[in-house]
Amino acid sequence: MTTIHNTRLVALSILCVIAFATNSAAVDVCYVDGVVRAAVIQSNDPMDGLSSGACGHSIYGTNCRLDFTQDQVAAVGPNTTCLALGRGVTVDMGNYSLICPGPTGCGVGVTIGSSTGTGKTTITNGTFSGPFLEGVRSTLSTSEVNNMRMEGGVTALSGLPVSDRVSIENYYIGALLLG
């Protein structure tokens, strides 16, 4: 009887390992600056590694979602990037703004370019405001911008498809759309 019981226990253990291994590739996860976080993270949340906001961080993952909980302010300067994204991230700006505060301008609002992570990268539901050199710069073919507003000097969206739900308003310099 003990042998039959042990055999069943071993068989059940093997099935659990196989099931875990099969599903482990599909785990939804975010990485913030290389550190594993939950699949849904919020700007300005210390538990998500973003206590000072989303700017200044690198995020990638698999079905990762970053939700803005307030406006985000970029650092002033031509060589700055507020947020670096890899594959597999959806940024829902929640109708908040990514703001370049200075009259001298900021570099890039969001760079999408790391091959790290899996899946499409999307930025949606927000406003880029102020004199960014580029609002969004992407080198990935699996990225898109939807339901966005670019205003007050954002000069470019480069390397990505632009949907008909992106409005461009109030430019100091003009607009260059590449993609």
Foldseek 3Di string as FASTA:
>chain_A
DVVVVVVVVVVVVVVVVVVCVVCVVQAQWKAKQNHTDHQEEEACDVNRVRVVGQFPIEMAAANHEYEYPAEAEYDFDQPGEGYEYEAHYEYEPQAHEYEHPDQNEHEEDYEYEDPPYDHAYEYERYEYEAAYCADYEYPDARYEYAQYEYEHHHAEHEDYDYDPNYYYDHHPVHYDYYD
